[in-house]
Amino acid sequence: MNVCRANNFATDQQELLLRAAVSKGQAAFDAWHEWNHTVCIEKDLDHGSFRLLPLLYVNLQQMGINDHLMGKLKGVYRQSWSKNQTLFHYMAKVIDNLQSYGIKTMLLKGAALSLLYYKNNGARPMADIDVLVPHEHARLAHDVLISTDWVAMMALDEGTINYGHALHFTNPRSQELDLHWRIFPGCCQGEENDFWADAVPVNIAGVA
């Protein structure tokens, strides 16, 4: 059967890598064996596949796989762990600062997955942290960030607050943060209520 793939769909090699990274037992071993013999890790790896290598290392290590590539995978994993530790340390301060102004916060995407499900700070590489605040606190949260050392990538006006969903920030340490007041683009005010109602506690570098 011929399959037509859009650019945003995984290739066969990417699907093999994903199965090797998240499956268990023989399924993971078979996917790893096939991927390892069809892809050169030093030449053929795209950015998305490279970001899966730390998770692949964790899975293979738990399975007791002994392969000559495990040393390289361990190096990629340790780099991811080190960067995430630094990122979590600084972002915990940001969250603590927002909460000191009475602003509720919720972690989204990579940080939430890492802390709640992977339970391993190196398994998922992260370039930024996504934080959701209530819609009515978007302006205050923006001002709190600006008052420290964060720089917004665009101005926050009423149109952006009413019809946008997030704003990207950077700081002098080249760290990145996405401040959300809506979960998704195009959401209407109030659609986040279910997310807030079902949010669960999580701890990032000592900050709840």
N, C-alpha and C. Protein backbone atom coordinates (compact mmCIF):
# COMPACT_ATOMS: atom_id res chain seq x y z
N MET A 1 0.85 -1.20 0.00
CA MET A 1 0.00 0.00 0.00
C MET A 1 0.88 1.24 0.00
N ASN A 2 0.62 2.16 -0.90
CA ASN A 2 1.35 3.41 -0.94
C ASN A 2 0.73 4.40 0.02
N VAL A 3 1.57 5.06 0.78
CA VAL A 3 1.10 6.04 1.76
C VAL A 3 1.63 7.41 1.39
N CYS A 4 0.74 8.36 1.24
CA CYS A 4 1.14 9.74 0.96
C CYS A 4 1.36 10.46 2.28
N ARG A 5 2.57 11.00 2.46
CA ARG A 5 2.91 11.64 3.72
C ARG A 5 3.02 13.15 3.55
N ALA A 6 2.37 13.89 4.41
CA ALA A 6 2.58 15.33 4.45
C ALA A 6 3.88 15.59 5.19
N ASN A 7 4.41 16.80 5.07
CA ASN A 7 5.70 17.12 5.67
C ASN A 7 5.70 17.01 7.18
N ASN A 8 4.52 17.12 7.80
CA ASN A 8 4.47 17.09 9.26
C ASN A 8 4.20 15.70 9.79
N PHE A 9 4.27 14.67 8.96
CA PHE A 9 4.11 13.30 9.41
C PHE A 9 5.48 12.63 9.52
N ALA A 10 5.58 11.68 10.43
CA ALA A 10 6.85 11.00 10.65
C ALA A 10 7.21 10.12 9.46
N THR A 11 8.51 10.04 9.18
CA THR A 11 9.01 9.11 8.18
C THR A 11 9.06 7.70 8.78
N ASP A 12 9.33 6.72 7.94
CA ASP A 12 9.45 5.35 8.44
C ASP A 12 10.56 5.23 9.48
N GLN A 13 11.68 5.92 9.23
CA GLN A 13 12.79 5.86 10.18
C GLN A 13 12.43 6.54 11.50
N GLN A 14 11.70 7.64 11.43
CA GLN A 14 11.29 8.32 12.65
C GLN A 14 10.31 7.47 13.46
N GLU A 15 9.42 6.76 12.78
CA GLU A 15 8.48 5.88 13.47
C GLU A 15 9.22 4.73 14.16
N LEU A 16 10.24 4.19 13.50
CA LEU A 16 11.06 3.14 14.12
C LEU A 16 11.73 3.66 15.38
N LEU A 17 12.31 4.85 15.28
CA LEU A 17 12.99 5.44 16.43
C LEU A 17 12.01 5.69 17.57
N LEU A 18 10.82 6.17 17.25
CA LEU A 18 9.82 6.43 18.28
C LEU A 18 9.41 5.13 18.97
N ARG A 19 9.22 4.06 18.19
CA ARG A 19 8.87 2.78 18.79
C ARG A 19 9.99 2.26 19.68
N ALA A 20 11.23 2.44 19.22
CA ALA A 20 12.37 2.00 20.03
C ALA A 20 12.47 2.78 21.33
N ALA A 21 12.02 4.03 21.31
CA ALA A 21 12.14 4.89 22.48
C ALA A 21 11.02 4.70 23.49
N VAL A 22 9.85 4.25 23.04
CA VAL A 22 8.71 4.20 23.97
C VAL A 22 8.12 2.81 24.15
N SER A 23 8.41 1.88 23.25
CA SER A 23 7.88 0.52 23.40
C SER A 23 8.68 -0.24 24.44
N LYS A 24 8.20 -1.42 24.78
CA LYS A 24 8.88 -2.27 25.75
C LYS A 24 9.12 -3.64 25.14
N GLY A 25 10.08 -4.36 25.70
CA GLY A 25 10.31 -5.73 25.32
C GLY A 25 10.78 -5.90 23.89
N GLN A 26 10.32 -6.99 23.26
CA GLN A 26 10.79 -7.36 21.94
C GLN A 26 10.45 -6.30 20.89
N ALA A 27 9.30 -5.64 21.05
CA ALA A 27 8.91 -4.61 20.07
C ALA A 27 9.93 -3.48 20.04
N ALA A 28 10.39 -3.06 21.23
CA ALA A 28 11.39 -2.00 21.29
C ALA A 28 12.72 -2.48 20.73
N PHE A 29 13.11 -3.71 21.07
CA PHE A 29 14.38 -4.25 20.59
C PHE A 29 14.38 -4.36 19.07
N ASP A 30 13.30 -4.88 18.49
CA ASP A 30 13.23 -5.03 17.04
C ASP A 30 13.28 -3.68 16.33
N ALA A 31 12.56 -2.68 16.88
CA ALA A 31 12.57 -1.34 16.28
C ALA A 31 13.96 -0.73 16.37
N TRP A 32 14.61 -0.89 17.52
CA TRP A 32 15.97 -0.38 17.70
C TRP A 32 16.93 -1.06 16.73
N HIS A 33 16.85 -2.35 16.60
CA HIS A 33 17.75 -3.10 15.72
C HIS A 33 17.60 -2.63 14.28
N GLU A 34 16.35 -2.49 13.82
CA GLU A 34 16.11 -2.07 12.43
C GLU A 34 16.55 -0.63 12.21
N TRP A 35 16.19 0.26 13.16
CA TRP A 35 16.59 1.67 13.02
C TRP A 35 18.11 1.82 13.02
N ASN A 36 18.76 1.12 13.91
CA ASN A 36 20.21 1.21 14.06
C ASN A 36 20.95 0.74 12.81
N HIS A 37 20.32 -0.13 12.01
CA HIS A 37 20.96 -0.66 10.81
C HIS A 37 20.54 0.07 9.55
N THR A 38 19.66 1.07 9.69
CA THR A 38 19.24 1.83 8.51
C THR A 38 19.58 3.31 8.61
N VAL A 39 19.97 3.77 9.79
CA VAL A 39 20.26 5.19 10.00
C VAL A 39 21.66 5.34 10.59
N CYS A 40 22.44 6.25 10.04
CA CYS A 40 23.74 6.59 10.61
C CYS A 40 23.54 7.74 11.59
N ILE A 41 23.80 7.49 12.85
CA ILE A 41 23.51 8.47 13.88
C ILE A 41 24.32 9.75 13.72
N GLU A 42 25.46 9.66 13.05
CA GLU A 42 26.34 10.83 12.90
C GLU A 42 26.09 11.59 11.60
N LYS A 43 25.32 11.01 10.67
CA LYS A 43 25.14 11.66 9.37
C LYS A 43 23.68 11.89 9.00
N ASP A 44 22.82 10.96 9.36
CA ASP A 44 21.45 10.97 8.83
C ASP A 44 20.40 11.54 9.78
N LEU A 45 20.81 11.99 10.94
CA LEU A 45 19.83 12.33 11.97
C LEU A 45 19.28 13.74 11.79
N ASP A 46 17.95 13.85 11.69
CA ASP A 46 17.30 15.16 11.66
C ASP A 46 17.11 15.67 13.08
N HIS A 47 16.72 16.93 13.20
CA HIS A 47 16.62 17.57 14.51
C HIS A 47 15.59 16.87 15.41
N GLY A 48 14.43 16.53 14.83
CA GLY A 48 13.40 15.88 15.63
C GLY A 48 13.85 14.53 16.15
N SER A 49 14.55 13.77 15.32
CA SER A 49 15.05 12.47 15.75
C SER A 49 16.11 12.62 16.83
N PHE A 50 16.97 13.61 16.67
CA PHE A 50 18.01 13.84 17.68
C PHE A 50 17.40 14.10 19.05
N ARG A 51 16.27 14.80 19.09
CA ARG A 51 15.61 15.12 20.36
C ARG A 51 15.01 13.87 21.02
N LEU A 52 14.87 12.79 20.27
CA LEU A 52 14.37 11.55 20.86
C LEU A 52 15.47 10.68 21.46
N LEU A 53 16.73 11.02 21.19
CA LEU A 53 17.82 10.16 21.63
C LEU A 53 17.92 10.01 23.15
N PRO A 54 17.71 11.08 23.94
CA PRO A 54 17.76 10.88 25.40
C PRO A 54 16.71 9.87 25.88
N LEU A 55 15.49 9.96 25.35
CA LEU A 55 14.44 9.02 25.73
C LEU A 55 14.79 7.61 25.26
N LEU A 56 15.38 7.51 24.07
CA LEU A 56 15.83 6.23 23.56
C LEU A 56 16.86 5.62 24.50
N TYR A 57 17.82 6.43 24.95
CA TYR A 57 18.85 5.94 25.87
C TYR A 57 18.23 5.40 27.15
N VAL A 58 17.29 6.14 27.73
CA VAL A 58 16.65 5.71 28.98
C VAL A 58 15.95 4.37 28.78
N ASN A 59 15.24 4.22 27.65
CA ASN A 59 14.50 2.99 27.41
C ASN A 59 15.45 1.82 27.18
N LEU A 60 16.48 2.02 26.38
CA LEU A 60 17.42 0.94 26.11
C LEU A 60 18.19 0.55 27.37
N GLN A 61 18.53 1.54 28.19
CA GLN A 61 19.24 1.24 29.43
C GLN A 61 18.38 0.40 30.36
N GLN A 62 17.11 0.75 30.45
CA GLN A 62 16.19 0.00 31.31
C GLN A 62 16.02 -1.44 30.81
N MET A 63 16.17 -1.63 29.51
CA MET A 63 16.03 -2.95 28.92
C MET A 63 17.34 -3.75 29.00
N GLY A 64 18.42 -3.10 29.42
CA GLY A 64 19.69 -3.78 29.52
C GLY A 64 20.39 -3.98 28.19
N ILE A 65 20.08 -3.13 27.20
CA ILE A 65 20.71 -3.25 25.89
C ILE A 65 22.20 -2.87 25.99
N ASN A 66 23.04 -3.70 25.44
CA ASN A 66 24.48 -3.45 25.42
C ASN A 66 24.90 -3.27 23.96
N ASP A 67 25.16 -2.03 23.59
CA ASP A 67 25.48 -1.72 22.19
C ASP A 67 26.58 -0.67 22.17
N HIS A 68 27.38 -0.68 21.12
CA HIS A 68 28.49 0.27 21.05
C HIS A 68 28.03 1.72 20.99
N LEU A 69 26.77 1.95 20.58
CA LEU A 69 26.25 3.32 20.51
C LEU A 69 25.75 3.84 21.86
N MET A 70 25.66 2.97 22.85
CA MET A 70 25.12 3.40 24.15
C MET A 70 25.97 4.51 24.76
N GLY A 71 27.26 4.50 24.53
CA GLY A 71 28.11 5.56 25.06
C GLY A 71 27.76 6.92 24.48
N LYS A 72 27.52 6.97 23.16
CA LYS A 72 27.13 8.22 22.53
C LYS A 72 25.75 8.67 22.99
N LEU A 73 24.84 7.70 23.09
CA LEU A 73 23.48 8.03 23.56
C LEU A 73 23.52 8.56 24.99
N LYS A 74 24.39 7.98 25.80
CA LYS A 74 24.52 8.46 27.18
C LYS A 74 25.03 9.89 27.22
N GLY A 75 25.95 10.23 26.33
CA GLY A 75 26.45 11.60 26.27
C GLY A 75 25.36 12.59 25.89
N VAL A 76 24.51 12.21 24.94
CA VAL A 76 23.39 13.09 24.53
C VAL A 76 22.41 13.23 25.69
N TYR A 77 22.14 12.11 26.37
CA TYR A 77 21.24 12.15 27.52
C TYR A 77 21.78 13.06 28.62
N ARG A 78 23.05 12.94 28.95
CA ARG A 78 23.64 13.74 30.04
C ARG A 78 23.64 15.22 29.69
N GLN A 79 23.85 15.54 28.42
CA GLN A 79 23.77 16.95 28.00
C GLN A 79 22.36 17.48 28.18
N SER A 80 21.37 16.67 27.80
CA SER A 80 19.97 17.07 27.98
C SER A 80 19.66 17.26 29.46
N TRP A 81 20.09 16.33 30.30
CA TRP A 81 19.84 16.41 31.74
C TRP A 81 20.46 17.67 32.34
N SER A 82 21.68 17.97 31.96
CA SER A 82 22.36 19.15 32.50
C SER A 82 21.66 20.44 32.11
N LYS A 83 21.28 20.56 30.83
CA LYS A 83 20.60 21.77 30.37
C LYS A 83 19.24 21.92 31.05
N ASN A 84 18.53 20.81 31.20
CA ASN A 84 17.21 20.88 31.83
C ASN A 84 17.30 21.25 33.31
N GLN A 85 18.33 20.75 34.00
CA GLN A 85 18.50 21.11 35.39
C GLN A 85 18.67 22.62 35.55
N THR A 86 19.50 23.20 34.70
CA THR A 86 19.70 24.65 34.73
C THR A 86 18.42 25.39 34.40
N LEU A 87 17.73 24.92 33.35
CA LEU A 87 16.47 25.56 32.94
C LEU A 87 15.44 25.49 34.05
N PHE A 88 15.26 24.32 34.66
CA PHE A 88 14.29 24.16 35.73
C PHE A 88 14.62 25.06 36.92
N HIS A 89 15.91 25.19 37.22
CA HIS A 89 16.33 26.02 38.35
C HIS A 89 15.89 27.47 38.16
N TYR A 90 16.13 28.02 36.99
CA TYR A 90 15.76 29.42 36.73
C TYR A 90 14.25 29.58 36.57
N MET A 91 13.60 28.61 35.95
CA MET A 91 12.16 28.73 35.74
C MET A 91 11.39 28.60 37.04
N ALA A 92 11.94 27.83 37.99
CA ALA A 92 11.29 27.74 39.31
C ALA A 92 11.23 29.12 39.96
N LYS A 93 12.29 29.90 39.78
CA LYS A 93 12.30 31.26 40.33
C LYS A 93 11.23 32.13 39.65
N VAL A 94 11.08 31.95 38.34
CA VAL A 94 10.07 32.71 37.60
C VAL A 94 8.68 32.37 38.12
N ILE A 95 8.40 31.08 38.27
CA ILE A 95 7.08 30.64 38.74
C ILE A 95 6.82 31.14 40.16
N ASP A 96 7.83 31.03 41.00
CA ASP A 96 7.69 31.51 42.38
C ASP A 96 7.41 33.01 42.40
N ASN A 97 8.06 33.74 41.51
CA ASN A 97 7.85 35.19 41.44
C ASN A 97 6.43 35.51 40.98
N LEU A 98 5.94 34.82 39.97
CA LEU A 98 4.57 35.03 39.49
C LEU A 98 3.56 34.73 40.60
N GLN A 99 3.79 33.65 41.33
CA GLN A 99 2.86 33.27 42.39
C GLN A 99 2.89 34.27 43.54
N SER A 100 4.03 34.93 43.76
CA SER A 100 4.10 35.93 44.83
C SER A 100 3.21 37.12 44.55
N TYR A 101 2.80 37.30 43.29
CA TYR A 101 1.87 38.36 42.91
C TYR A 101 0.43 37.84 42.85
N GLY A 102 0.21 36.63 43.34
CA GLY A 102 -1.14 36.07 43.34
C GLY A 102 -1.57 35.50 42.01
N ILE A 103 -0.62 35.19 41.13
CA ILE A 103 -0.94 34.66 39.80
C ILE A 103 -0.83 33.13 39.82
N LYS A 104 -1.92 32.45 39.52
CA LYS A 104 -1.87 30.99 39.43
C LYS A 104 -1.02 30.59 38.21
N THR A 105 -0.32 29.47 38.32
CA THR A 105 0.51 29.01 37.21
C THR A 105 0.26 27.54 36.95
N MET A 106 0.39 27.15 35.69
CA MET A 106 0.30 25.74 35.30
C MET A 106 1.37 25.46 34.25
N LEU A 107 2.16 24.42 34.49
CA LEU A 107 3.16 24.01 33.51
C LEU A 107 2.49 23.26 32.37
N LEU A 108 2.95 23.50 31.14
CA LEU A 108 2.42 22.83 29.96
C LEU A 108 3.53 22.09 29.22
N LYS A 109 3.13 21.19 28.36
CA LYS A 109 4.00 20.57 27.36
C LYS A 109 5.20 19.85 27.99
N GLY A 110 6.41 20.16 27.53
CA GLY A 110 7.58 19.38 27.89
C GLY A 110 7.87 19.28 29.37
N ALA A 111 7.78 20.39 30.08
CA ALA A 111 8.08 20.37 31.52
C ALA A 111 7.09 19.49 32.27
N ALA A 112 5.81 19.59 31.92
CA ALA A 112 4.80 18.77 32.59
C ALA A 112 5.01 17.30 32.31
N LEU A 113 5.31 16.95 31.07
CA LEU A 113 5.58 15.56 30.71
C LEU A 113 6.80 15.03 31.45
N SER A 114 7.84 15.84 31.47
CA SER A 114 9.09 15.42 32.10
C SER A 114 8.91 15.15 33.59
N LEU A 115 8.21 16.04 34.27
CA LEU A 115 8.08 15.94 35.72
C LEU A 115 7.03 14.91 36.14
N LEU A 116 5.95 14.78 35.37
CA LEU A 116 4.84 13.93 35.79
C LEU A 116 4.89 12.52 35.21
N TYR A 117 5.42 12.37 34.01
CA TYR A 117 5.31 11.09 33.32
C TYR A 117 6.67 10.43 33.05
N TYR A 118 7.61 11.17 32.46
CA TYR A 118 8.93 10.58 32.28
C TYR A 118 9.62 10.39 33.63
N LYS A 119 9.36 11.33 34.55
CA LYS A 119 10.01 11.33 35.87
C LYS A 119 11.52 11.20 35.73
N ASN A 120 12.02 11.91 34.74
CA ASN A 120 13.45 11.90 34.44
C ASN A 120 13.78 13.22 33.75
N ASN A 121 14.59 14.04 34.40
CA ASN A 121 14.82 15.39 33.88
C ASN A 121 15.68 15.43 32.63
N GLY A 122 16.20 14.29 32.20
CA GLY A 122 17.02 14.30 30.99
C GLY A 122 16.36 13.65 29.80
N ALA A 123 15.20 13.00 29.98
CA ALA A 123 14.60 12.21 28.91
C ALA A 123 14.04 13.06 27.78
N ARG A 124 13.66 14.29 28.07
CA ARG A 124 13.08 15.15 27.03
C ARG A 124 13.85 16.46 26.96
N PRO A 125 14.61 16.70 25.89
CA PRO A 125 15.29 17.99 25.74
C PRO A 125 14.28 19.12 25.62
N MET A 126 14.59 20.24 26.25
CA MET A 126 13.68 21.40 26.21
C MET A 126 14.45 22.68 25.94
N ALA A 127 13.94 23.46 25.01
CA ALA A 127 14.53 24.76 24.74
C ALA A 127 13.86 25.86 25.55
N ASP A 128 12.64 25.58 26.04
CA ASP A 128 11.92 26.60 26.77
C ASP A 128 10.97 25.94 27.76
N ILE A 129 10.29 26.79 28.53
CA ILE A 129 9.25 26.36 29.46
C ILE A 129 7.96 27.07 29.06
N ASP A 130 6.85 26.32 29.05
CA ASP A 130 5.54 26.90 28.76
C ASP A 130 4.75 26.99 30.04
N VAL A 131 4.30 28.19 30.39
CA VAL A 131 3.57 28.43 31.63
C VAL A 131 2.23 29.08 31.29
N LEU A 132 1.17 28.48 31.80
CA LEU A 132 -0.18 29.05 31.62
C LEU A 132 -0.58 29.84 32.85
N VAL A 133 -1.13 31.03 32.62
CA VAL A 133 -1.70 31.84 33.69
C VAL A 133 -3.15 32.14 33.32
N PRO A 134 -4.00 32.49 34.28
CA PRO A 134 -5.37 32.86 33.94
C PRO A 134 -5.42 34.04 32.98
N HIS A 135 -6.43 34.03 32.10
CA HIS A 135 -6.55 35.09 31.10
C HIS A 135 -6.54 36.47 31.72
N GLU A 136 -7.21 36.61 32.85
CA GLU A 136 -7.32 37.95 33.47
C GLU A 136 -6.00 38.41 34.08
N HIS A 137 -5.03 37.52 34.19
CA HIS A 137 -3.72 37.88 34.75
C HIS A 137 -2.63 37.96 33.70
N ALA A 138 -3.00 37.92 32.42
CA ALA A 138 -2.00 37.95 31.35
C ALA A 138 -1.17 39.22 31.40
N ARG A 139 -1.82 40.37 31.55
CA ARG A 139 -1.09 41.65 31.60
C ARG A 139 -0.18 41.72 32.81
N LEU A 140 -0.67 41.33 33.98
CA LEU A 140 0.14 41.38 35.19
C LEU A 140 1.34 40.44 35.07
N ALA A 141 1.12 39.23 34.56
CA ALA A 141 2.22 38.28 34.39
C ALA A 141 3.27 38.83 33.44
N HIS A 142 2.82 39.44 32.36
CA HIS A 142 3.73 40.09 31.41
C HIS A 142 4.56 41.14 32.11
N ASP A 143 3.92 41.98 32.90
CA ASP A 143 4.63 43.07 33.57
C ASP A 143 5.63 42.55 34.61
N VAL A 144 5.26 41.47 35.29
CA VAL A 144 6.16 40.87 36.27
C VAL A 144 7.42 40.35 35.58
N LEU A 145 7.25 39.69 34.45
CA LEU A 145 8.40 39.17 33.72
C LEU A 145 9.28 40.31 33.20
N ILE A 146 8.66 41.34 32.65
CA ILE A 146 9.40 42.47 32.12
C ILE A 146 10.18 43.18 33.23
N SER A 147 9.63 43.19 34.43
CA SER A 147 10.28 43.89 35.54
C SER A 147 11.56 43.19 36.01
N THR A 148 11.75 41.95 35.60
CA THR A 148 12.99 41.25 35.94
C THR A 148 13.93 41.36 34.75
N ASP A 149 14.38 40.23 34.20
CA ASP A 149 15.32 40.34 33.08
C ASP A 149 14.79 39.68 31.81
N TRP A 150 13.45 39.58 31.71
CA TRP A 150 12.86 38.94 30.54
C TRP A 150 12.45 39.99 29.50
N VAL A 151 12.58 39.62 28.24
CA VAL A 151 12.24 40.51 27.13
C VAL A 151 11.21 39.82 26.25
N ALA A 152 10.08 40.50 26.02
CA ALA A 152 9.04 39.95 25.17
C ALA A 152 9.39 40.15 23.70
N MET A 153 9.05 39.16 22.88
CA MET A 153 9.38 39.23 21.47
C MET A 153 8.45 40.13 20.68
N MET A 154 7.34 40.55 21.31
CA MET A 154 6.45 41.51 20.69
C MET A 154 5.67 42.22 21.79
N ALA A 155 5.09 43.35 21.45
CA ALA A 155 4.33 44.11 22.44
C ALA A 155 3.04 43.38 22.78
N LEU A 156 2.62 43.53 24.03
CA LEU A 156 1.37 42.93 24.47
C LEU A 156 0.30 44.01 24.52
N ASP A 157 -0.63 43.99 23.56
CA ASP A 157 -1.72 44.96 23.55
C ASP A 157 -3.04 44.22 23.79
N GLU A 158 -4.11 44.96 23.84
CA GLU A 158 -5.40 44.35 24.14
C GLU A 158 -5.83 43.36 23.06
N GLY A 159 -5.47 43.66 21.82
CA GLY A 159 -5.81 42.73 20.75
C GLY A 159 -5.14 41.38 20.93
N THR A 160 -3.85 41.42 21.33
CA THR A 160 -3.11 40.18 21.55
C THR A 160 -3.71 39.40 22.72
N ILE A 161 -4.05 40.11 23.79
CA ILE A 161 -4.65 39.44 24.95
C ILE A 161 -6.00 38.83 24.59
N ASN A 162 -6.81 39.56 23.83
CA ASN A 162 -8.17 39.09 23.53
C ASN A 162 -8.20 38.00 22.48
N TYR A 163 -7.25 38.05 21.51
CA TYR A 163 -7.33 37.11 20.39
C TYR A 163 -6.10 36.21 20.26
N GLY A 164 -5.05 36.51 21.01
CA GLY A 164 -3.87 35.65 20.98
C GLY A 164 -3.96 34.60 22.07
N HIS A 165 -2.89 33.81 22.19
CA HIS A 165 -2.90 32.76 23.21
C HIS A 165 -1.61 32.71 24.02
N ALA A 166 -0.50 33.29 23.49
CA ALA A 166 0.77 33.18 24.20
C ALA A 166 1.73 34.25 23.71
N LEU A 167 2.79 34.47 24.50
CA LEU A 167 3.82 35.44 24.15
C LEU A 167 5.18 34.85 24.51
N HIS A 168 6.11 34.98 23.58
CA HIS A 168 7.43 34.39 23.76
C HIS A 168 8.38 35.40 24.41
N PHE A 169 9.16 34.91 25.39
CA PHE A 169 10.12 35.73 26.11
C PHE A 169 11.51 35.09 26.04
N THR A 170 12.53 35.92 26.10
CA THR A 170 13.91 35.45 26.26
C THR A 170 14.57 36.27 27.36
N ASN A 171 15.70 35.74 27.88
CA ASN A 171 16.45 36.49 28.88
C ASN A 171 17.93 36.53 28.49
N PRO A 172 18.75 37.28 29.22
CA PRO A 172 20.16 37.40 28.83
C PRO A 172 20.93 36.09 28.85
N ARG A 173 20.41 35.06 29.49
CA ARG A 173 21.07 33.75 29.51
C ARG A 173 20.64 32.88 28.33
N SER A 174 19.93 33.50 27.38
CA SER A 174 19.43 32.82 26.18
C SER A 174 18.40 31.74 26.52
N GLN A 175 17.77 31.85 27.67
CA GLN A 175 16.69 30.96 28.02
C GLN A 175 15.39 31.50 27.43
N GLU A 176 14.42 30.61 27.25
CA GLU A 176 13.18 31.00 26.59
C GLU A 176 11.98 30.55 27.42
N LEU A 177 10.94 31.34 27.38
CA LEU A 177 9.71 31.06 28.11
C LEU A 177 8.53 31.49 27.26
N ASP A 178 7.53 30.63 27.18
CA ASP A 178 6.27 30.98 26.51
C ASP A 178 5.22 31.20 27.58
N LEU A 179 4.76 32.43 27.70
CA LEU A 179 3.69 32.77 28.64
C LEU A 179 2.35 32.59 27.93
N HIS A 180 1.56 31.64 28.42
CA HIS A 180 0.24 31.36 27.85
C HIS A 180 -0.85 31.93 28.75
N TRP A 181 -1.89 32.46 28.14
CA TRP A 181 -3.12 32.76 28.87
C TRP A 181 -4.28 31.98 28.25
N ARG A 182 -4.00 31.29 27.17
CA ARG A 182 -4.89 30.29 26.60
C ARG A 182 -4.05 29.08 26.21
N ILE A 183 -4.70 27.91 26.23
CA ILE A 183 -3.98 26.69 25.91
C ILE A 183 -3.57 26.64 24.45
N PHE A 184 -4.53 26.90 23.55
CA PHE A 184 -4.29 26.72 22.13
C PHE A 184 -4.60 28.01 21.36
N PRO A 185 -3.98 28.19 20.20
CA PRO A 185 -4.38 29.30 19.32
C PRO A 185 -5.84 29.15 18.93
N GLY A 186 -6.55 30.25 18.89
CA GLY A 186 -7.94 30.22 18.47
C GLY A 186 -8.92 29.86 19.55
N CYS A 187 -8.43 29.57 20.77
CA CYS A 187 -9.36 29.26 21.86
C CYS A 187 -10.13 30.50 22.27
N CYS A 188 -11.29 30.29 22.75
CA CYS A 188 -12.10 31.38 23.29
C CYS A 188 -11.93 31.42 24.81
N GLN A 189 -12.15 32.59 25.37
CA GLN A 189 -12.01 32.74 26.82
C GLN A 189 -12.95 31.77 27.54
N GLY A 190 -12.42 31.07 28.49
CA GLY A 190 -13.21 30.12 29.26
C GLY A 190 -12.96 28.67 28.90
N GLU A 191 -12.36 28.41 27.74
CA GLU A 191 -12.12 27.03 27.33
C GLU A 191 -11.03 26.36 28.17
N GLU A 192 -10.28 27.17 28.93
CA GLU A 192 -9.23 26.60 29.77
C GLU A 192 -9.78 26.12 31.12
N ASN A 193 -11.06 26.39 31.39
CA ASN A 193 -11.61 26.05 32.71
C ASN A 193 -11.43 24.58 33.05
N ASP A 194 -11.64 23.70 32.07
CA ASP A 194 -11.49 22.27 32.33
C ASP A 194 -10.04 21.93 32.69
N PHE A 195 -9.10 22.61 32.05
CA PHE A 195 -7.69 22.35 32.34
C PHE A 195 -7.35 22.78 33.77
N TRP A 196 -7.84 23.95 34.16
CA TRP A 196 -7.59 24.41 35.52
C TRP A 196 -8.28 23.49 36.53
N ALA A 197 -9.48 23.04 36.22
CA ALA A 197 -10.22 22.21 37.16
C ALA A 197 -9.54 20.85 37.36
N ASP A 198 -8.90 20.34 36.31
CA ASP A 198 -8.29 19.01 36.38
C ASP A 198 -6.77 19.06 36.58
N ALA A 199 -6.23 20.25 36.81
CA ALA A 199 -4.77 20.36 37.01
C ALA A 199 -4.34 19.59 38.25
N VAL A 200 -3.14 19.02 38.19
CA VAL A 200 -2.61 18.26 39.33
C VAL A 200 -1.35 18.94 39.83
N PRO A 201 -1.05 18.79 41.12
CA PRO A 201 0.15 19.42 41.68
C PRO A 201 1.43 18.85 41.08
N VAL A 202 2.40 19.69 40.90
CA VAL A 202 3.71 19.25 40.43
C VAL A 202 4.76 20.16 41.06
N ASN A 203 5.95 19.65 41.23
CA ASN A 203 7.02 20.39 41.88
C ASN A 203 8.18 20.55 40.92
N ILE A 204 8.61 21.78 40.68
CA ILE A 204 9.74 22.04 39.80
C ILE A 204 10.83 22.74 40.61
N ALA A 205 11.92 22.05 40.82
CA ALA A 205 13.08 22.57 41.57
C ALA A 205 12.66 23.16 42.90
N GLY A 206 11.77 22.46 43.60
CA GLY A 206 11.36 22.88 44.93
C GLY A 206 10.20 23.85 44.98
N VAL A 207 9.68 24.25 43.83
CA VAL A 207 8.56 25.19 43.79
C VAL A 207 7.31 24.46 43.30
N ALA A 208 6.21 24.62 44.05
CA ALA A 208 4.96 23.94 43.67
C ALA A 208 4.26 24.71 42.58
